[in-house]
Amino acid sequence: MDEISLSADDIPDPSIQIADFCDLCSEEIPAGDLEQHYLTHIDYSPHVCNICHKSFTRKYSLQIHSLIHSGQKPHTCTICNKGFTQRSDLNKHYQRHLGNKPNVCDICEKGFSQKSDLKKHYMTHTGNKPYVCTICEKKFTQRAHLNHHILVHIKLKPYKCSLCTKAFYLKQSLKKHLLKHASEKSYACSTCSETFEDKSTLQKHAAVHSKKKHVCKVCKSEFPTVRELKEHQSTHNGEEPFSCNVCDKKFFLKGRLNHHMLSHNVVKPHVCKICNKSFVQRVHLRDHLMIHTGEKPHSCYICNKEFIQLSSLQRHYATHSSEKHHICKVCKKSYSQKSDLNRHMLSHINE
């Protein structure tokens, strides 16, 4: 077998770093970091905070995030003693004290404290869009805009409306969509107050009431059987005849008791480290933790009231609507939410 000879020139210098290029954003990436960089373009975040379960692509980002929970702010302003978790935030803060805007646009003479802000500003004059989609060649002034655009090609719409299942690429688009639900018209059944999105569906529903015979003396609702009438009447008098033999919780409908019993047979592996309450799904634990932290991520765009859960915000939007579709059959008083109507109906029990 022939011998293979190697010279010193054939051996690569380990000090030389060969750069790679990301084919999604065209950014030059140091050798060996391309795979980690790709994770920034997809929803893959393996580093999870064990307190609030927020996830991050890089371990360093998780370490910085952890400072929020500990309250630690190692970088302090020597002028006003304000603390920051990151040195970069402190440096930006100093510019406010100095009033220093050394980065000046030579076209309109507008000043900026950060050089990166000046670069973005220049694009408004030049129309330069350096971030190009490799799939459709659409151009963008900012990398963040390109990243959002990529979601269009991979058909990923992470922000879903829980009212109509419509999905959106951007969280801002979902919030605007929710306002439409808050103001949209619905049609309420005059017999049971159930609401429908269109008149034709309401008319089909109304036919169901034509066959009912057993009438509630409080709200005049009709039911096909005595059993259903009795179950309904318990909602007016507060009676809860069905009790759980495990935790003694009571219900006015047997169906709700049966559904509740399932909770005692389900494994709940996700445990709150603060109060030891357990949950079936991690997302439920994450929502629960906000009770301890006081975090309320969902805010009303109309009055700025904040909520822990998106469903609570959606119910709140109805309070801003002038339409009141839930009508009392006894006194004709109307309400925007069915829960308010149910509470009102209790006032007619002794009449």
Foldseek 3Di string as FASTA:
>chain_A
DDDDDDDPVVDDDPVDWDWDADLFFRDIHTPPCNVLVVCVLDPDFPAADPQLRDGHSDPVVVVLVVCVVVVDFPDADPPPRDGHSDVVVVQVVVCVVVVDFPDADPPPRDGHNDPVVVQLVVCVVVVDFNGAGSPPRDGHSDPVVSSLVVCVVVVDFPAADPPPRDGHSDPVVVLVVLLCVLAQDWAAALQQRDTHNDDVVNVVVVVVQVQFDCADPLQRHGDNDPVVNQLVVCLQVVDFPDADPPPRDTHSDVVVVVVVVVVVVADFPAANPPPRDTHNDPVVVSLVSCVVVVDFPDARPPPRDGHSDPVVVSLVSLVVYPDFSRARNPPRDTHSDVVVVSVVSNVRPVD
